[in-house]
Amino acid sequence: MKVAKLLPAIAMALLFSTPTWAQQQTVDPELIARLEEMLSKTDWQTRAGGGPKGVLLLHQAKLRRIIDQLKSGQSVTPKEIDALFLEHPC
C-alpha cells in the first residue's frame, strides 16, 4: 500500500524538478563571432559565384542553425562544430 503512494510521488517529483543536465550551456562569444565571420564569407562567396552555389547555400543553412542554437542556449555537440570548420570552403 505504501509503495502505491510512494511511486506516484517520486514520479511527480522527477517530472517537475529541473535536472542539472537540462540547464542552458554557457555561450562562447569568440566561437559565435568566428561562426558569424564564416557565415559572412560564405554569403559573399555565394553572391560572387565563388563555388558551387548549392553547396554554399547548404553550408550557410548549417551555419545559421548552429549559430541560432548557440545563441538560444541549446546544446551543440563539438562534433557538429568541427564538421562545420572542416567543410568550410574558405
PDB file of N, CA and C in Angstrom:
ATOM      1  N   MET A   1       0.811  -1.188   0.000  1.00  0.00           N
ATOM      2  CA  MET A   1       0.000   0.000   0.000  1.00  0.00           C
ATOM      3  C   MET A   1       0.860   1.260   0.000  1.00  0.00           C
ATOM      4  N   LYS A   2       1.942   1.249   0.793  1.00  0.00           N
ATOM      5  CA  LYS A   2       2.815   2.413   0.854  1.00  0.00           C
ATOM      6  C   LYS A   2       3.544   2.627  -0.478  1.00  0.00           C
ATOM      7  N   VAL A   3       3.883   1.521  -1.146  1.00  0.00           N
ATOM      8  CA  VAL A   3       4.579   1.613  -2.426  1.00  0.00           C
ATOM      9  C   VAL A   3       3.677   2.255  -3.476  1.00  0.00           C
ATOM     10  N   ALA A   4       2.402   1.970  -3.431  1.00  0.00           N
ATOM     11  CA  ALA A   4       1.454   2.532  -4.386  1.00  0.00           C
ATOM     12  C   ALA A   4       1.340   4.045  -4.231  1.00  0.00           C
ATOM     13  N   LYS A   5       1.565   4.562  -3.050  1.00  0.00           N
ATOM     14  CA  LYS A   5       1.524   6.008  -2.824  1.00  0.00           C
ATOM     15  C   LYS A   5       2.887   6.650  -3.065  1.00  0.00           C
ATOM     16  N   LEU A   6       3.946   5.885  -2.852  1.00  0.00           N
ATOM     17  CA  LEU A   6       5.297   6.418  -2.977  1.00  0.00           C
ATOM     18  C   LEU A   6       5.708   6.593  -4.441  1.00  0.00           C
ATOM     19  N   LEU A   7       5.372   5.640  -5.298  1.00  0.00           N
ATOM     20  CA  LEU A   7       5.783   5.711  -6.698  1.00  0.00           C
ATOM     21  C   LEU A   7       5.219   6.935  -7.426  1.00  0.00           C
ATOM     22  N   PRO A   8       3.935   7.241  -7.305  1.00  0.00           N
ATOM     23  CA  PRO A   8       3.451   8.469  -7.959  1.00  0.00           C
ATOM     24  C   PRO A   8       4.098   9.741  -7.409  1.00  0.00           C
ATOM     25  N   ALA A   9       4.401   9.752  -6.121  1.00  0.00           N
ATOM     26  CA  ALA A   9       5.052  10.928  -5.534  1.00  0.00           C
ATOM     27  C   ALA A   9       6.455  11.107  -6.105  1.00  0.00           C
ATOM     28  N   ILE A  10       7.180  10.023  -6.256  1.00  0.00           N
ATOM     29  CA  ILE A  10       8.526  10.087  -6.836  1.00  0.00           C
ATOM     30  C   ILE A  10       8.446  10.503  -8.300  1.00  0.00           C
ATOM     31  N   ALA A  11       7.477   9.948  -9.015  1.00  0.00           N
ATOM     32  CA  ALA A  11       7.320  10.300 -10.434  1.00  0.00           C
ATOM     33  C   ALA A  11       7.006  11.782 -10.595  1.00  0.00           C
ATOM     34  N   MET A  12       6.151  12.320  -9.758  1.00  0.00           N
ATOM     35  CA  MET A  12       5.814  13.748  -9.829  1.00  0.00           C
ATOM     36  C   MET A  12       7.026  14.614  -9.483  1.00  0.00           C
ATOM     37  N   ALA A  13       7.797  14.195  -8.490  1.00  0.00           N
ATOM     38  CA  ALA A  13       8.988  14.959  -8.110  1.00  0.00           C
ATOM     39  C   ALA A  13       9.997  14.982  -9.251  1.00  0.00           C
ATOM     40  N   LEU A  14      10.182  13.862  -9.910  1.00  0.00           N
ATOM     41  CA  LEU A  14      11.109  13.800 -11.042  1.00  0.00           C
ATOM     42  C   LEU A  14      10.595  14.603 -12.230  1.00  0.00           C
ATOM     43  N   LEU A  15       9.304  14.575 -12.430  1.00  0.00           N
ATOM     44  CA  LEU A  15       8.713  15.269 -13.562  1.00  0.00           C
ATOM     45  C   LEU A  15       8.840  16.786 -13.439  1.00  0.00           C
ATOM     46  N   PHE A  16       8.645  17.299 -12.241  1.00  0.00           N
ATOM     47  CA  PHE A  16       8.624  18.747 -12.052  1.00  0.00           C
ATOM     48  C   PHE A  16       9.948  19.344 -11.574  1.00  0.00           C
ATOM     49  N   SER A  17      10.940  18.533 -11.344  1.00  0.00           N
ATOM     50  CA  SER A  17      12.240  19.074 -10.944  1.00  0.00           C
ATOM     51  C   SER A  17      13.052  19.399 -12.196  1.00  0.00           C
ATOM     52  N   THR A  18      13.946  20.359 -12.073  1.00  0.00           N
ATOM     53  CA  THR A  18      14.807  20.737 -13.187  1.00  0.00           C
ATOM     54  C   THR A  18      16.157  20.059 -13.001  1.00  0.00           C
ATOM     55  N   PRO A  19      16.465  19.100 -13.854  1.00  0.00           N
ATOM     56  CA  PRO A  19      17.758  18.421 -13.711  1.00  0.00           C
ATOM     57  C   PRO A  19      18.906  19.347 -14.107  1.00  0.00           C
ATOM     58  N   THR A  20      20.064  19.093 -13.539  1.00  0.00           N
ATOM     59  CA  THR A  20      21.223  19.943 -13.815  1.00  0.00           C
ATOM     60  C   THR A  20      21.690  19.806 -15.257  1.00  0.00           C
ATOM     61  N   TRP A  21      21.486  18.654 -15.872  1.00  0.00           N
ATOM     62  CA  TRP A  21      21.930  18.487 -17.259  1.00  0.00           C
ATOM     63  C   TRP A  21      21.049  19.247 -18.230  1.00  0.00           C
ATOM     64  N   ALA A  22      19.874  19.676 -17.800  1.00  0.00           N
ATOM     65  CA  ALA A  22      18.967  20.400 -18.697  1.00  0.00           C
ATOM     66  C   ALA A  22      19.178  21.909 -18.648  1.00  0.00           C
ATOM     67  N   GLN A  23      20.092  22.368 -17.817  1.00  0.00           N
ATOM     68  CA  GLN A  23      20.342  23.798 -17.742  1.00  0.00           C
ATOM     69  C   GLN A  23      21.050  24.263 -19.006  1.00  0.00           C
ATOM     70  N   GLN A  24      20.898  25.535 -19.303  1.00  0.00           N
ATOM     71  CA  GLN A  24      21.500  26.073 -20.517  1.00  0.00           C
ATOM     72  C   GLN A  24      23.016  26.076 -20.396  1.00  0.00           C
ATOM     73  N   GLN A  25      23.662  25.825 -21.525  1.00  0.00           N
ATOM     74  CA  GLN A  25      25.115  25.843 -21.548  1.00  0.00           C
ATOM     75  C   GLN A  25      25.611  27.277 -21.706  1.00  0.00           C
ATOM     76  N   THR A  26      26.832  27.510 -21.302  1.00  0.00           N
ATOM     77  CA  THR A  26      27.403  28.841 -21.466  1.00  0.00           C
ATOM     78  C   THR A  26      27.811  29.026 -22.924  1.00  0.00           C
ATOM     79  N   VAL A  27      27.662  30.231 -23.405  1.00  0.00           N
ATOM     80  CA  VAL A  27      27.935  30.528 -24.804  1.00  0.00           C
ATOM     81  C   VAL A  27      29.309  31.188 -24.908  1.00  0.00           C
ATOM     82  N   ASP A  28      30.135  30.680 -25.799  1.00  0.00           N
ATOM     83  CA  ASP A  28      31.457  31.243 -26.037  1.00  0.00           C
ATOM     84  C   ASP A  28      31.328  32.328 -27.102  1.00  0.00           C
ATOM     85  N   PRO A  29      31.483  33.604 -26.723  1.00  0.00           N
ATOM     86  CA  PRO A  29      31.305  34.682 -27.708  1.00  0.00           C
ATOM     87  C   PRO A  29      32.318  34.635 -28.845  1.00  0.00           C
ATOM     88  N   GLU A  30      33.521  34.134 -28.580  1.00  0.00           N
ATOM     89  CA  GLU A  30      34.530  34.038 -29.639  1.00  0.00           C
ATOM     90  C   GLU A  30      34.108  33.021 -30.695  1.00  0.00           C
ATOM     91  N   LEU A  31      33.529  31.920 -30.248  1.00  0.00           N
ATOM     92  CA  LEU A  31      33.072  30.896 -31.184  1.00  0.00           C
ATOM     93  C   LEU A  31      31.947  31.438 -32.052  1.00  0.00           C
ATOM     94  N   ILE A  32      31.008  32.131 -31.445  1.00  0.00           N
ATOM     95  CA  ILE A  32      29.901  32.698 -32.211  1.00  0.00           C
ATOM     96  C   ILE A  32      30.410  33.740 -33.201  1.00  0.00           C
ATOM     97  N   ALA A  33      31.369  34.564 -32.780  1.00  0.00           N
ATOM     98  CA  ALA A  33      31.931  35.573 -33.681  1.00  0.00           C
ATOM     99  C   ALA A  33      32.633  34.909 -34.868  1.00  0.00           C
ATOM    100  N   ARG A  34      33.353  33.838 -34.598  1.00  0.00           N
ATOM    101  CA  ARG A  34      34.060  33.142 -35.682  1.00  0.00           C
ATOM    102  C   ARG A  34      33.072  32.483 -36.648  1.00  0.00           C
ATOM    103  N   LEU A  35      32.008  31.894 -36.095  1.00  0.00           N
ATOM    104  CA  LEU A  35      30.996  31.282 -36.956  1.00  0.00           C
ATOM    105  C   LEU A  35      30.259  32.333 -37.783  1.00  0.00           C
ATOM    106  N   GLU A  36      29.987  33.499 -37.189  1.00  0.00           N
ATOM    107  CA  GLU A  36      29.336  34.573 -37.942  1.00  0.00           C
ATOM    108  C   GLU A  36      30.249  35.120 -39.030  1.00  0.00           C
ATOM    109  N   GLU A  37      31.549  35.148 -38.774  1.00  0.00           N
ATOM    110  CA  GLU A  37      32.506  35.568 -39.809  1.00  0.00           C
ATOM    111  C   GLU A  37      32.513  34.561 -40.959  1.00  0.00           C
ATOM    112  N   MET A  38      32.481  33.265 -40.615  1.00  0.00           N
ATOM    113  CA  MET A  38      32.406  32.232 -41.649  1.00  0.00           C
ATOM    114  C   MET A  38      31.129  32.384 -42.462  1.00  0.00           C
ATOM    115  N   LEU A  39      30.030  32.727 -41.786  1.00  0.00           N
ATOM    116  CA  LEU A  39      28.758  32.912 -42.475  1.00  0.00           C
ATOM    117  C   LEU A  39      28.823  34.082 -43.452  1.00  0.00           C
ATOM    118  N   SER A  40      29.445  35.180 -43.048  1.00  0.00           N
ATOM    119  CA  SER A  40      29.533  36.338 -43.949  1.00  0.00           C
ATOM    120  C   SER A  40      30.442  36.037 -45.144  1.00  0.00           C
ATOM    121  N   LYS A  41      31.526  35.291 -44.928  1.00  0.00           N
ATOM    122  CA  LYS A  41      32.391  34.906 -46.046  1.00  0.00           C
ATOM    123  C   LYS A  41      31.652  33.992 -47.019  1.00  0.00           C
ATOM    124  N   THR A  42      30.882  33.069 -46.475  1.00  0.00           N
ATOM    125  CA  THR A  42      30.116  32.167 -47.326  1.00  0.00           C
ATOM    126  C   THR A  42      29.043  32.927 -48.093  1.00  0.00           C
ATOM    127  N   ASP A  43      28.434  33.916 -47.434  1.00  0.00           N
ATOM    128  CA  ASP A  43      27.434  34.747 -48.103  1.00  0.00           C
ATOM    129  C   ASP A  43      28.067  35.511 -49.255  1.00  0.00           C
ATOM    130  N   TRP A  44      29.244  36.049 -49.020  1.00  0.00           N
ATOM    131  CA  TRP A  44      29.946  36.780 -50.081  1.00  0.00           C
ATOM    132  C   TRP A  44      30.282  35.845 -51.233  1.00  0.00           C
ATOM    133  N   GLN A  45      30.779  34.646 -50.920  1.00  0.00           N
ATOM    134  CA  GLN A  45      31.130  33.684 -51.974  1.00  0.00           C
ATOM    135  C   GLN A  45      29.908  33.277 -52.786  1.00  0.00           C
ATOM    136  N   THR A  46      28.770  33.139 -52.101  1.00  0.00           N
ATOM    137  CA  THR A  46      27.541  32.760 -52.801  1.00  0.00           C
ATOM    138  C   THR A  46      27.138  33.836 -53.800  1.00  0.00           C
ATOM    139  N   ARG A  47      27.218  35.095 -53.377  1.00  0.00           N
ATOM    140  CA  ARG A  47      26.831  36.186 -54.270  1.00  0.00           C
ATOM    141  C   ARG A  47      27.859  36.414 -55.375  1.00  0.00           C
ATOM    142  N   ALA A  48      29.134  36.166 -55.093  1.00  0.00           N
ATOM    143  CA  ALA A  48      30.189  36.415 -56.069  1.00  0.00           C
ATOM    144  C   ALA A  48      30.413  35.227 -57.003  1.00  0.00           C
ATOM    145  N   GLY A  49      29.775  34.110 -56.735  1.00  0.00           N
ATOM    146  CA  GLY A  49      29.958  32.943 -57.597  1.00  0.00           C
ATOM    147  C   GLY A  49      31.266  32.243 -57.338  1.00  0.00           C
ATOM    148  N   GLY A  50      31.680  32.148 -56.087  1.00  0.00           N
ATOM    149  CA  GLY A  50      32.963  31.538 -55.740  1.00  0.00           C
ATOM    150  C   GLY A  50      32.900  30.059 -55.459  1.00  0.00           C
ATOM    151  N   GLY A  51      32.029  29.339 -56.090  1.00  0.00           N
ATOM    152  CA  GLY A  51      31.946  27.899 -55.871  1.00  0.00           C
ATOM    153  C   GLY A  51      30.562  27.388 -56.225  1.00  0.00           C
ATOM    154  N   PRO A  52      30.352  26.096 -56.043  1.00  0.00           N
ATOM    155  CA  PRO A  52      29.031  25.534 -56.328  1.00  0.00           C
ATOM    156  C   PRO A  52      27.982  26.148 -55.394  1.00  0.00           C
ATOM    157  N   LYS A  53      26.995  26.794 -55.977  1.00  0.00           N
ATOM    158  CA  LYS A  53      26.037  27.566 -55.187  1.00  0.00           C
ATOM    159  C   LYS A  53      25.242  26.683 -54.224  1.00  0.00           C
ATOM    160  N   GLY A  54      24.874  25.487 -54.650  1.00  0.00           N
ATOM    161  CA  GLY A  54      24.103  24.585 -53.789  1.00  0.00           C
ATOM    162  C   GLY A  54      24.865  24.198 -52.533  1.00  0.00           C
ATOM    163  N   VAL A  55      26.150  23.915 -52.692  1.00  0.00           N
ATOM    164  CA  VAL A  55      26.992  23.533 -51.556  1.00  0.00           C
ATOM    165  C   VAL A  55      27.137  24.712 -50.597  1.00  0.00           C
ATOM    166  N   LEU A  56      27.341  25.896 -51.152  1.00  0.00           N
ATOM    167  CA  LEU A  56      27.492  27.082 -50.314  1.00  0.00           C
ATOM    168  C   LEU A  56      26.201  27.411 -49.562  1.00  0.00           C
ATOM    169  N   LEU A  57      25.060  27.272 -50.224  1.00  0.00           N
ATOM    170  CA  LEU A  57      23.785  27.542 -49.564  1.00  0.00           C
ATOM    171  C   LEU A  57      23.505  26.536 -48.453  1.00  0.00           C
ATOM    172  N   LEU A  58      23.857  25.286 -48.672  1.00  0.00           N
ATOM    173  CA  LEU A  58      23.691  24.271 -47.639  1.00  0.00           C
ATOM    174  C   LEU A  58      24.587  24.570 -46.438  1.00  0.00           C
ATOM    175  N   HIS A  59      25.813  24.987 -46.711  1.00  0.00           N
ATOM    176  CA  HIS A  59      26.747  25.342 -45.641  1.00  0.00           C
ATOM    177  C   HIS A  59      26.224  26.550 -44.863  1.00  0.00           C
ATOM    178  N   GLN A  60      25.664  27.522 -45.555  1.00  0.00           N
ATOM    179  CA  GLN A  60      25.082  28.691 -44.888  1.00  0.00           C
ATOM    180  C   GLN A  60      23.948  28.276 -43.957  1.00  0.00           C
ATOM    181  N   ALA A  61      23.108  27.385 -44.419  1.00  0.00           N
ATOM    182  CA  ALA A  61      21.980  26.939 -43.601  1.00  0.00           C
ATOM    183  C   ALA A  61      22.466  26.239 -42.334  1.00  0.00           C
ATOM    184  N   LYS A  62      23.505  25.412 -42.472  1.00  0.00           N
ATOM    185  CA  LYS A  62      24.066  24.735 -41.300  1.00  0.00           C
ATOM    186  C   LYS A  62      24.664  25.746 -40.323  1.00  0.00           C
ATOM    187  N   LEU A  63      25.402  26.723 -40.872  1.00  0.00           N
ATOM    188  CA  LEU A  63      25.993  27.753 -40.016  1.00  0.00           C
ATOM    189  C   LEU A  63      24.916  28.532 -39.265  1.00  0.00           C
ATOM    190  N   ARG A  64      23.875  28.939 -39.964  1.00  0.00           N
ATOM    191  CA  ARG A  64      22.796  29.697 -39.312  1.00  0.00           C
ATOM    192  C   ARG A  64      22.120  28.885 -38.211  1.00  0.00           C
ATOM    193  N   ARG A  65      21.901  27.590 -38.478  1.00  0.00           N
ATOM    194  CA  ARG A  65      21.250  26.733 -37.485  1.00  0.00           C
ATOM    195  C   ARG A  65      22.109  26.607 -36.228  1.00  0.00           C
ATOM    196  N   ILE A  66      23.410  26.382 -36.406  1.00  0.00           N
ATOM    197  CA  ILE A  66      24.311  26.229 -35.264  1.00  0.00           C
ATOM    198  C   ILE A  66      24.410  27.539 -34.488  1.00  0.00           C
ATOM    199  N   ILE A  67      24.532  28.658 -35.187  1.00  0.00           N
ATOM    200  CA  ILE A  67      24.610  29.970 -34.524  1.00  0.00           C
ATOM    201  C   ILE A  67      23.339  30.233 -33.728  1.00  0.00           C
ATOM    202  N   ASP A  68      22.185  29.949 -34.324  1.00  0.00           N
ATOM    203  CA  ASP A  68      20.912  30.155 -33.625  1.00  0.00           C
ATOM    204  C   ASP A  68      20.807  29.269 -32.390  1.00  0.00           C
ATOM    205  N   GLN A  69      21.256  28.025 -32.509  1.00  0.00           N
ATOM    206  CA  GLN A  69      21.223  27.115 -31.358  1.00  0.00           C
ATOM    207  C   GLN A  69      22.121  27.627 -30.235  1.00  0.00           C
ATOM    208  N   LEU A  70      23.322  28.080 -30.592  1.00  0.00           N
ATOM    209  CA  LEU A  70      24.238  28.583 -29.572  1.00  0.00           C
ATOM    210  C   LEU A  70      23.700  29.837 -28.896  1.00  0.00           C
ATOM    211  N   LYS A  71      23.125  30.740 -29.681  1.00  0.00           N
ATOM    212  CA  LYS A  71      22.605  31.979 -29.118  1.00  0.00           C
ATOM    213  C   LYS A  71      21.397  31.742 -28.220  1.00  0.00           C
ATOM    214  N   SER A  72      20.615  30.716 -28.530  1.00  0.00           N
ATOM    215  CA  SER A  72      19.427  30.443 -27.726  1.00  0.00           C
ATOM    216  C   SER A  72      19.739  29.553 -26.523  1.00  0.00           C
ATOM    217  N   GLY A  73      20.992  29.122 -26.395  1.00  0.00           N
ATOM    218  CA  GLY A  73      21.389  28.322 -25.244  1.00  0.00           C
ATOM    219  C   GLY A  73      21.182  26.832 -25.412  1.00  0.00           C
ATOM    220  N   GLN A  74      20.815  26.390 -26.601  1.00  0.00           N
ATOM    221  CA  GLN A  74      20.646  24.964 -26.846  1.00  0.00           C
ATOM    222  C   GLN A  74      22.012  24.311 -26.974  1.00  0.00           C
ATOM    223  N   SER A  75      22.061  23.035 -26.719  1.00  0.00           N
ATOM    224  CA  SER A  75      23.341  22.342 -26.782  1.00  0.00           C
ATOM    225  C   SER A  75      23.703  22.009 -28.228  1.00  0.00           C
ATOM    226  N   VAL A  76      24.966  22.146 -28.523  1.00  0.00           N
ATOM    227  CA  VAL A  76      25.518  21.801 -29.829  1.00  0.00           C
ATOM    228  C   VAL A  76      26.734  20.930 -29.553  1.00  0.00           C
ATOM    229  N   THR A  77      26.803  19.804 -30.220  1.00  0.00           N
ATOM    230  CA  THR A  77      27.928  18.904 -29.967  1.00  0.00           C
ATOM    231  C   THR A  77      29.195  19.444 -30.625  1.00  0.00           C
ATOM    232  N   PRO A  78      30.328  19.213 -30.005  1.00  0.00           N
ATOM    233  CA  PRO A  78      31.588  19.629 -30.626  1.00  0.00           C
ATOM    234  C   PRO A  78      31.797  18.988 -31.998  1.00  0.00           C
ATOM    235  N   LYS A  79      31.233  17.805 -32.190  1.00  0.00           N
ATOM    236  CA  LYS A  79      31.348  17.114 -33.481  1.00  0.00           C
ATOM    237  C   LYS A  79      30.688  17.930 -34.592  1.00  0.00           C
ATOM    238  N   GLU A  80      29.530  18.546 -34.301  1.00  0.00           N
ATOM    239  CA  GLU A  80      28.841  19.369 -35.300  1.00  0.00           C
ATOM    240  C   GLU A  80      29.673  20.607 -35.650  1.00  0.00           C
ATOM    241  N   ILE A  81      30.271  21.227 -34.637  1.00  0.00           N
ATOM    242  CA  ILE A  81      31.081  22.426 -34.864  1.00  0.00           C
ATOM    243  C   ILE A  81      32.340  22.080 -35.650  1.00  0.00           C
ATOM    244  N   ASP A  82      32.978  20.962 -35.292  1.00  0.00           N
ATOM    245  CA  ASP A  82      34.166  20.527 -36.027  1.00  0.00           C
ATOM    246  C   ASP A  82      33.831  20.241 -37.484  1.00  0.00           C
ATOM    247  N   ALA A  83      32.674  19.636 -37.722  1.00  0.00           N
ATOM    248  CA  ALA A  83      32.267  19.335 -39.104  1.00  0.00           C
ATOM    249  C   ALA A  83      32.091  20.618 -39.906  1.00  0.00           C
ATOM    250  N   LEU A  84      31.554  21.666 -39.277  1.00  0.00           N
ATOM    251  CA  LEU A  84      31.404  22.962 -39.973  1.00  0.00           C
ATOM    252  C   LEU A  84      32.762  23.535 -40.376  1.00  0.00           C
ATOM    253  N   PHE A  85      33.718  23.465 -39.454  1.00  0.00           N
ATOM    254  CA  PHE A  85      35.044  24.007 -39.757  1.00  0.00           C
ATOM    255  C   PHE A  85      35.740  23.192 -40.845  1.00  0.00           C
ATOM    256  N   LEU A  86      35.528  21.871 -40.845  1.00  0.00           N
ATOM    257  CA  LEU A  86      36.169  21.030 -41.856  1.00  0.00           C
ATOM    258  C   LEU A  86      35.590  21.229 -43.245  1.00  0.00           C
ATOM    259  N   GLU A  87      34.274  21.459 -43.320  1.00  0.00           N
ATOM    260  CA  GLU A  87      33.658  21.601 -44.644  1.00  0.00           C
ATOM    261  C   GLU A  87      33.606  23.037 -45.124  1.00  0.00           C
ATOM    262  N   HIS A  88      34.103  23.981 -44.338  1.00  0.00           N
ATOM    263  CA  HIS A  88      34.055  25.394 -44.734  1.00  0.00           C
ATOM    264  C   HIS A  88      34.932  25.620 -45.962  1.00  0.00           C
ATOM    265  N   PRO A  89      34.371  26.191 -47.021  1.00  0.00           N
ATOM    266  CA  PRO A  89      35.106  26.333 -48.282  1.00  0.00           C
ATOM    267  C   PRO A  89      36.168  27.426 -48.271  1.00  0.00           C
ATOM    268  N   CYS A  90      36.156  28.321 -47.321  1.00  0.00           N
ATOM    269  CA  CYS A  90      37.119  29.445 -47.335  1.00  0.00           C
ATOM    270  C   CYS A  90      38.458  29.036 -46.795  1.00  0.00           C
TER     271      CYS A  90
END
